[in-house]
Amino acid sequence: MELKDIIEKAEIAEELRRGINIQGI
């Protein structure tokens, strides 16, 4: 797996985490 793929997945995970926090789940 390339580094850019890992970074991209990490960014997506961070966005999902933020979305969950905003929704208050």
C-alpha atoms as a PDB file:
ATOM      1  CA  MET A   1       0.000   0.000   0.000  1.00  0.00           C
ATOM      2  CA  GLU A   2       1.354   3.411  -0.934  1.00  0.00           C
ATOM      3  CA  LEU A   3       1.763   6.229   1.557  1.00  0.00           C
ATOM      4  CA  LYS A   4      -0.688   8.473  -0.303  1.00  0.00           C
ATOM      5  CA  ASP A   5      -3.345   5.738  -0.014  1.00  0.00           C
ATOM      6  CA  ILE A   6      -2.785   5.547   3.741  1.00  0.00           C
ATOM      7  CA  ILE A   7      -2.979   9.334   4.068  1.00  0.00           C
ATOM      8  CA  GLU A   8      -6.174   9.418   2.008  1.00  0.00           C
ATOM      9  CA  LYS A   9      -7.808   6.755   4.209  1.00  0.00           C
ATOM     10  CA  ALA A  10      -6.710   8.618   7.345  1.00  0.00           C
ATOM     11  CA  GLU A  11      -8.259  11.845   6.038  1.00  0.00           C
ATOM     12  CA  ILE A  12     -11.539  10.077   5.250  1.00  0.00           C
ATOM     13  CA  ALA A  13     -11.581   8.493   8.713  1.00  0.00           C
ATOM     14  CA  GLU A  14     -10.997  11.909  10.297  1.00  0.00           C
ATOM     15  CA  GLU A  15     -13.884  13.423   8.329  1.00  0.00           C
ATOM     16  CA  LEU A  16     -16.186  10.583   9.402  1.00  0.00           C
ATOM     17  CA  ARG A  17     -15.133  11.100  13.026  1.00  0.00           C
ATOM     18  CA  ARG A  18     -15.907  14.821  12.761  1.00  0.00           C
ATOM     19  CA  GLY A  19     -19.290  14.066  11.207  1.00  0.00           C
ATOM     20  CA  ILE A  20     -20.141  11.692  14.045  1.00  0.00           C
ATOM     21  CA  ASN A  21     -19.098  14.297  16.627  1.00  0.00           C
ATOM     22  CA  ILE A  22     -21.266  16.956  14.960  1.00  0.00           C
ATOM     23  CA  GLN A  23     -24.270  14.618  15.003  1.00  0.00           C
ATOM     24  CA  GLY A  24     -23.663  13.909  18.676  1.00  0.00           C
ATOM     25  CA  ILE A  25     -23.731  10.122  18.344  1.00  0.00           C
END
